[in-house]
Every structure is written in structure tokens, then in C-alpha cells.
Amino acid sequence: FRTDTNVIDANALCQRWNLKDGVGSWSSDGMIFISKTNTTVICEASHLTNFAILINPSNSYFTGVQELVLQIITVTGSSLSIIGLVVTIVGLTGFREIRAALMNKIHIGLSTSLLLAYISLLIGPQLVANQEVCYCFSILTHFCFLGVFCWMFCEAINLYLEIIAVFHRYPRRFLKFSVFSLVTPLLIVVITVMVEFVGYQEAYIVKNKASGVRVVCWLDYTARIAAFMLPLTLDMSANLVVFIMVMRVVSKNSADVIARFRSAVCISTLIGLSWVLGFLAL
């Protein structure tokens, strides 16, 4: 199809005329967007019928100014988080006495996973052009965020053992936490990839359903629910239970309202209860 230079990839929709029950409509079934030059759009079809390129004048949910503001907020917030995490990791690992404490080891694991996840948020938008790189990067990002969830769960379990189950001894606790935080994300990622290859196509790349253009290197909506939001929901539910149990003990030992509030904020942040805001992203 011939077009002009004003038509961008995301706005060029490969469509076919679908005649059903005497009523026709445009459909993208069996149509795949291949590429676009300055003057042409190339589509691939699995059958013969009437074809056309439909031009979507606005393929964005936001205006140019809104996108710029959101990009600035994302880059600024992620950059500040990366700087803070680097300082945290250096501070915790720089001194042997600090590094030897079990709680600080868990902090290091959580901070490292968060650092890799935030770096992926900054690099990800630049990798959409190459499908193989985009796919691998999406898997890496998924793995890092799942690691964050697992380490937050370990933070909650460690708080429970230190404050409530104080008379029990659990040897090699950090080794068990480390294995859990590596194996669990890996298992979820492997299952997601297997399900994708068995029948569900391209779970790790979000595409424009009409044009087939890659939009972002991340889980698509269905995979995001099953392989990201479900683990997050289970993690938040378990951490909330631990939070309530720990706060009951802390409240009994402190009559100061300000001290209770400070403890609640610190504990809820440490075990990641603020991630409940992630549900708003859906």
C-alpha cells in the first residue's frame, strides 16, 4: 500500500473486509503488519479478500505534552531510585559488621533486585525495534520484578521470625531466602515461556493488535494478570497478614502514638505494601 510520510507505524492498521451474515466490517484477523517506508506499508495476509490500510489519526492515550511529562516523571523517579539504591547497596556492603547481619543481607538482595528492575524501566523503551532483544529483555524485566516480590516476602518472614517467633532457630536462613528468591521467579518465567510456546503467542511483547507493531517490551495484558499481578497479589496478601501480626506486638510494647505510626510506615514500606498501588496501573 502507498502512503505519505505523515503516517507513522503505530497508526497504519492492516485490515481486511470481513463479510459475515450479509453484514461486513473491517477486521485485522489474518493480517500482520510487516514494515513501513516513507511511501509504502507492507502487510501480510493468510487469505485472499479485500484489503486496506486504515489510518488511526491518534494511536496514543495521551497528548504530546502529557507523554513528555510522564516520560520526565518516569526518568526522574527511576534515576533517583537508582541513585538511592546504589548508595544503599554500597553502604550495606562496604562494612563487614553491617554486611554480616542477616537483615542487612536481605536488604542487599531486595535492593539489588530493585536496582536491576529500575534500570530495565529506563532501557526498555529503546529496545522495541529488535524483536529478539525485546523478547529477552522483557523476560529479564519480569524476572527482576518477581525477584523483588520474593525478597519482600523474605523481609516479612524475617520480621515475623525476629519479632514473633523469637525462641525458634532456623539455620541457614539467608541461604534459604536466596534460593527461594531465585528459583521462584525462574520457575514462573519458565512456565510463562512454556505456555507461550504451547499456544499463547507473544506473551512477552505488547503489540498494537490492529497493526501488529511492537509497543513495549513487557508482558501483554493476559500474561500480566497471570504471571505478574497474581504473584503480586499473593505476596501482598501474605505480607499484609505478617504486617498485622507484627504491628500487634509492636503496639503492645510502645505506648507512643508517633512511634507506632513510624513503625507502621517503616514496616509497610520494607515489606512492600505500597505495591498495592500497582493495581492502579491496570
Protein backbone atom coordinates (compact mmCIF):
# COMPACT_ATOMS: atom_id res chain seq x y z
CA PHE A 1 0.00 0.00 0.00
CA ARG A 2 1.21 3.51 -0.78
CA THR A 3 1.03 6.16 1.96
CA ASP A 4 2.55 9.54 2.71
CA THR A 5 5.21 10.46 5.26
CA ASN A 6 2.63 11.66 7.83
CA VAL A 7 1.50 8.10 8.59
CA ILE A 8 3.55 6.55 11.42
CA ASP A 9 3.91 2.82 12.03
CA ALA A 10 1.55 2.69 15.01
CA ASN A 11 -1.22 4.45 13.04
CA ALA A 12 -1.13 2.22 9.95
CA LEU A 13 -3.62 -0.60 10.54
CA CYS A 14 -3.63 -3.61 8.21
CA GLN A 15 -7.28 -4.61 7.75
CA ARG A 16 -9.46 -6.88 5.65
CA TRP A 17 -13.17 -6.70 4.85
CA ASN A 18 -14.95 -9.43 6.81
CA LEU A 19 -18.34 -10.27 5.28
CA LYS A 20 -20.48 -12.23 7.75
CA ASP A 21 -24.24 -12.82 7.70
CA GLY A 22 -24.64 -10.24 4.98
CA VAL A 23 -23.07 -7.54 7.14
CA GLY A 24 -19.46 -6.52 6.58
CA SER A 25 -16.87 -4.87 8.79
CA TRP A 26 -13.15 -4.25 8.87
CA SER A 27 -11.11 -6.83 10.75
CA SER A 28 -7.42 -7.46 11.49
CA ASP A 29 -7.85 -11.28 11.63
CA GLY A 30 -5.29 -12.93 9.40
CA MET A 31 -3.49 -9.63 8.79
CA ILE A 32 0.04 -8.89 10.01
CA PHE A 33 1.89 -5.58 9.79
CA ILE A 34 5.36 -6.19 8.31
CA SER A 35 7.08 -2.85 7.78
CA LYS A 36 6.72 0.71 6.55
CA THR A 37 8.86 3.07 4.50
CA ASN A 38 8.29 6.75 3.77
CA THR A 39 5.83 5.93 0.98
CA THR A 40 4.63 2.33 1.46
CA VAL A 41 3.15 -0.01 4.06
CA ILE A 42 3.72 -3.77 3.73
CA CYS A 43 1.17 -6.18 5.21
CA GLU A 44 0.97 -9.99 5.18
CA ALA A 45 -2.33 -11.87 4.78
CA SER A 46 -3.20 -15.53 5.30
CA HIS A 47 -6.08 -15.47 2.78
CA LEU A 48 -7.50 -13.58 -0.21
CA THR A 49 -10.14 -10.91 0.23
CA ASN A 50 -10.46 -7.12 0.10
CA PHE A 51 -7.61 -5.36 1.89
CA ALA A 52 -7.00 -1.81 3.03
CA ILE A 53 -4.84 0.33 5.27
CA LEU A 54 -6.92 2.15 7.87
CA ILE A 55 -5.34 5.25 9.30
CA ASN A 56 -5.83 5.85 13.01
CA PRO A 57 -5.31 9.61 13.50
CA SER A 58 -4.42 9.17 17.15
CA ASN A 59 -2.91 5.94 18.44
CA SER A 60 -1.92 7.38 21.78
CA TYR A 61 -3.83 7.68 25.03
CA PHE A 62 -2.03 10.92 25.82
CA THR A 63 -1.17 14.15 24.04
CA GLY A 64 2.40 15.07 23.20
CA VAL A 65 2.71 17.27 26.30
CA GLN A 66 1.26 14.56 28.55
CA GLU A 67 3.62 11.93 27.17
CA LEU A 68 6.57 14.28 27.72
CA VAL A 69 5.53 14.96 31.32
CA LEU A 70 5.05 11.24 32.03
CA GLN A 71 8.43 10.46 30.47
CA ILE A 72 10.13 13.12 32.59
CA ILE A 73 8.46 11.79 35.75
CA THR A 74 9.45 8.21 34.90
CA VAL A 75 13.07 9.03 34.06
CA THR A 76 13.49 11.35 37.05
CA GLY A 77 11.85 8.99 39.53
CA SER A 78 13.71 5.92 38.26
CA SER A 79 17.04 7.79 38.21
CA LEU A 80 16.62 8.99 41.80
CA SER A 81 15.62 5.47 42.86
CA ILE A 82 18.68 4.01 41.13
CA ILE A 83 20.97 6.50 42.87
CA GLY A 84 19.38 5.76 46.24
CA LEU A 85 19.65 2.00 45.71
CA VAL A 86 23.30 2.23 44.68
CA VAL A 87 24.06 4.26 47.82
CA THR A 88 22.14 1.72 49.92
CA ILE A 89 23.96 -1.27 48.44
CA VAL A 90 27.37 0.39 48.82
CA GLY A 91 26.58 1.38 52.41
CA LEU A 92 25.40 -2.10 53.37
CA THR A 93 28.23 -3.98 51.66
CA GLY A 94 31.05 -1.56 52.47
CA PHE A 95 31.38 -2.51 56.14
CA ARG A 96 31.81 -6.06 57.31
CA GLU A 97 29.95 -5.56 60.59
CA ILE A 98 26.91 -4.20 58.79
CA ARG A 99 27.08 -6.75 55.98
CA ALA A 100 27.19 -9.68 58.43
CA ALA A 101 23.71 -9.00 59.85
CA LEU A 102 21.01 -11.23 58.36
CA MET A 103 18.51 -8.40 57.97
CA ASN A 104 21.05 -6.31 56.05
CA LYS A 105 21.81 -9.25 53.76
CA ILE A 106 18.13 -9.42 52.91
CA HIS A 107 18.14 -5.65 52.33
CA ILE A 108 21.02 -6.12 49.89
CA GLY A 109 19.11 -8.80 47.97
CA LEU A 110 15.98 -6.65 47.78
CA SER A 111 17.95 -3.53 46.79
CA THR A 112 19.83 -5.39 44.06
CA SER A 113 16.63 -6.75 42.53
CA LEU A 114 15.03 -3.30 42.66
CA LEU A 115 18.12 -1.74 41.08
CA LEU A 116 18.02 -4.14 38.12
CA ALA A 117 14.25 -3.63 37.76
CA TYR A 118 14.54 0.18 37.68
CA ILE A 119 17.40 0.06 35.19
CA SER A 120 15.20 -2.07 32.96
CA LEU A 121 12.47 0.60 33.10
CA LEU A 122 14.91 3.16 31.70
CA ILE A 123 16.43 0.95 29.00
CA GLY A 124 13.28 -0.89 27.90
CA PRO A 125 11.67 1.74 25.62
CA GLN A 126 14.80 1.83 23.47
CA LEU A 127 14.73 -1.90 22.60
CA VAL A 128 11.38 -2.21 20.82
CA ALA A 129 12.91 -2.15 17.31
CA ASN A 130 14.61 -5.57 17.63
CA GLN A 131 12.14 -8.37 18.38
CA GLU A 132 14.68 -10.87 19.77
CA VAL A 133 16.33 -8.30 22.04
CA CYS A 134 12.92 -7.00 23.12
CA TYR A 135 11.77 -10.52 23.97
CA CYS A 136 14.86 -11.37 26.04
CA PHE A 137 14.76 -8.02 27.80
CA SER A 138 11.09 -8.48 28.67
CA ILE A 139 11.90 -11.84 30.27
CA LEU A 140 14.75 -10.26 32.25
CA THR A 141 12.49 -7.43 33.47
CA HIS A 142 9.81 -9.92 34.50
CA PHE A 143 12.38 -12.00 36.39
CA CYS A 144 13.76 -8.94 38.24
CA PHE A 145 10.35 -7.74 39.42
CA LEU A 146 9.38 -11.24 40.56
CA GLY A 147 12.67 -11.30 42.48
CA VAL A 148 11.63 -8.05 44.17
CA PHE A 149 8.35 -9.63 45.27
CA CYS A 150 10.14 -12.67 46.64
CA TRP A 151 12.66 -10.60 48.61
CA MET A 152 9.82 -8.51 50.06
CA PHE A 153 8.20 -11.74 51.20
CA CYS A 154 11.50 -12.78 52.77
CA GLU A 155 11.63 -9.41 54.57
CA ALA A 156 8.18 -10.12 56.01
CA ILE A 157 9.06 -13.68 57.07
CA ASN A 158 12.28 -12.48 58.68
CA LEU A 159 10.39 -9.82 60.64
CA TYR A 160 7.94 -12.47 61.81
CA LEU A 161 10.76 -14.75 62.96
CA GLU A 162 12.66 -11.93 64.68
CA ILE A 163 9.71 -10.33 66.49
CA ILE A 164 7.12 -13.07 66.99
CA ALA A 165 8.84 -16.47 66.74
CA VAL A 166 11.88 -15.28 68.71
CA PHE A 167 12.53 -18.55 70.51
CA HIS A 168 12.81 -20.65 67.35
CA ARG A 169 16.07 -21.16 65.49
CA TYR A 170 16.23 -21.51 61.71
CA PRO A 171 19.76 -22.24 60.47
CA ARG A 172 20.96 -21.10 57.04
CA ARG A 173 18.04 -18.72 56.80
CA PHE A 174 19.69 -16.40 54.27
CA LEU A 175 20.64 -19.32 52.02
CA LYS A 176 17.03 -20.49 52.01
CA PHE A 177 15.81 -16.94 51.30
CA SER A 178 18.29 -16.62 48.42
CA VAL A 179 17.29 -19.92 46.84
CA PHE A 180 13.61 -19.03 47.17
CA SER A 181 14.12 -15.58 45.61
CA LEU A 182 15.99 -17.04 42.63
CA VAL A 183 14.15 -20.29 41.95
CA THR A 184 10.59 -18.97 42.33
CA PRO A 185 10.93 -16.15 39.73
CA LEU A 186 12.77 -18.54 37.41
CA LEU A 187 10.01 -21.11 37.71
CA ILE A 188 7.28 -18.55 36.93
CA VAL A 189 9.22 -17.24 33.93
CA VAL A 190 9.82 -20.75 32.58
CA ILE A 191 6.13 -21.64 32.93
CA THR A 192 5.15 -18.41 31.15
CA VAL A 193 7.51 -19.16 28.27
CA MET A 194 6.27 -22.75 28.02
CA VAL A 195 2.62 -21.66 27.93
CA GLU A 196 3.50 -19.10 25.28
CA PHE A 197 5.18 -21.64 23.01
CA VAL A 198 2.43 -24.22 23.52
CA GLY A 199 -0.34 -21.97 22.31
CA TYR A 200 -0.33 -18.44 23.64
CA GLN A 201 1.58 -16.20 21.24
CA GLU A 202 4.00 -13.47 22.25
CA ALA A 203 3.21 -13.12 25.94
CA TYR A 204 6.41 -11.12 26.44
CA ILE A 205 5.83 -8.41 23.81
CA VAL A 206 2.98 -5.90 23.85
CA LYS A 207 1.80 -5.13 20.32
CA ASN A 208 -0.80 -2.95 18.70
CA LYS A 209 -3.47 -5.57 18.00
CA ALA A 210 -4.60 -3.87 14.82
CA SER A 211 -1.26 -3.11 13.19
CA GLY A 212 0.97 -5.71 14.86
CA VAL A 213 3.54 -3.04 15.74
CA ARG A 214 5.61 -3.68 18.87
CA VAL A 215 4.69 -1.11 21.51
CA VAL A 216 6.68 -2.10 24.60
CA CYS A 217 8.93 -4.90 25.82
CA TRP A 218 6.73 -6.24 28.61
CA LEU A 219 4.04 -8.80 29.37
CA ASP A 220 0.84 -8.38 27.43
CA TYR A 221 -2.39 -7.92 29.39
CA THR A 222 -3.42 -11.59 29.83
CA ALA A 223 0.09 -12.75 30.75
CA ARG A 224 0.47 -9.74 33.03
CA ILE A 225 -2.56 -10.84 35.05
CA ALA A 226 -1.43 -14.46 35.43
CA ALA A 227 2.35 -14.11 35.69
CA PHE A 228 2.72 -10.72 37.38
CA MET A 229 -0.41 -9.49 39.17
CA LEU A 230 -1.26 -12.92 40.63
CA PRO A 231 2.17 -13.37 42.29
CA LEU A 232 1.99 -9.76 43.48
CA THR A 233 -1.47 -10.37 44.96
CA LEU A 234 -0.31 -13.48 46.82
CA ASP A 235 2.78 -11.66 48.08
CA MET A 236 0.81 -8.62 49.26
CA SER A 237 -1.78 -10.81 50.99
CA ALA A 238 0.86 -12.76 52.91
CA ASN A 239 2.80 -9.60 53.78
CA LEU A 240 -0.38 -7.90 55.00
CA VAL A 241 -1.02 -10.78 57.41
CA VAL A 242 2.55 -10.53 58.72
CA PHE A 243 2.23 -6.75 58.98
CA ILE A 244 -0.88 -7.05 61.18
CA MET A 245 0.77 -9.66 63.41
CA VAL A 246 3.97 -7.64 63.80
CA MET A 247 2.13 -4.36 64.46
CA ARG A 248 0.11 -6.01 67.22
CA VAL A 249 3.34 -6.92 69.00
CA VAL A 250 4.93 -3.51 68.35
CA SER A 251 1.81 -1.70 69.61
CA LYS A 252 1.87 -3.63 72.88
CA ASN A 253 5.47 -2.63 73.52
CA SER A 254 5.04 1.06 72.65
CA ALA A 255 2.51 3.49 74.05
CA ASP A 256 3.76 6.40 71.92
CA VAL A 257 1.37 7.05 69.02
CA ILE A 258 4.09 8.68 66.92
CA ALA A 259 6.40 5.72 67.49
CA ARG A 260 3.64 3.33 66.44
CA PHE A 261 2.98 5.33 63.30
CA ARG A 262 6.67 5.47 62.44
CA SER A 263 6.97 1.72 62.93
CA ALA A 264 3.92 1.10 60.74
CA VAL A 265 5.30 3.24 57.91
CA CYS A 266 8.75 1.62 58.08
CA ILE A 267 7.45 -1.94 58.23
CA SER A 268 4.84 -1.47 55.49
CA THR A 269 7.47 0.09 53.20
CA LEU A 270 10.02 -2.61 53.98
CA ILE A 271 7.68 -5.49 53.08
CA GLY A 272 6.33 -3.66 50.03
CA LEU A 273 2.70 -2.97 50.93
CA SER A 274 2.92 0.23 48.86
CA TRP A 275 3.00 -2.03 45.79
CA VAL A 276 -0.76 -2.28 46.13
CA LEU A 277 -0.76 0.93 44.06
CA GLY A 278 0.50 -1.19 41.17
CA PHE A 279 -3.03 -2.47 40.68
CA LEU A 280 -3.98 1.02 39.54
CA ALA A 281 -1.70 0.54 36.53
CA LEU A 282 -4.21 -1.90 35.06
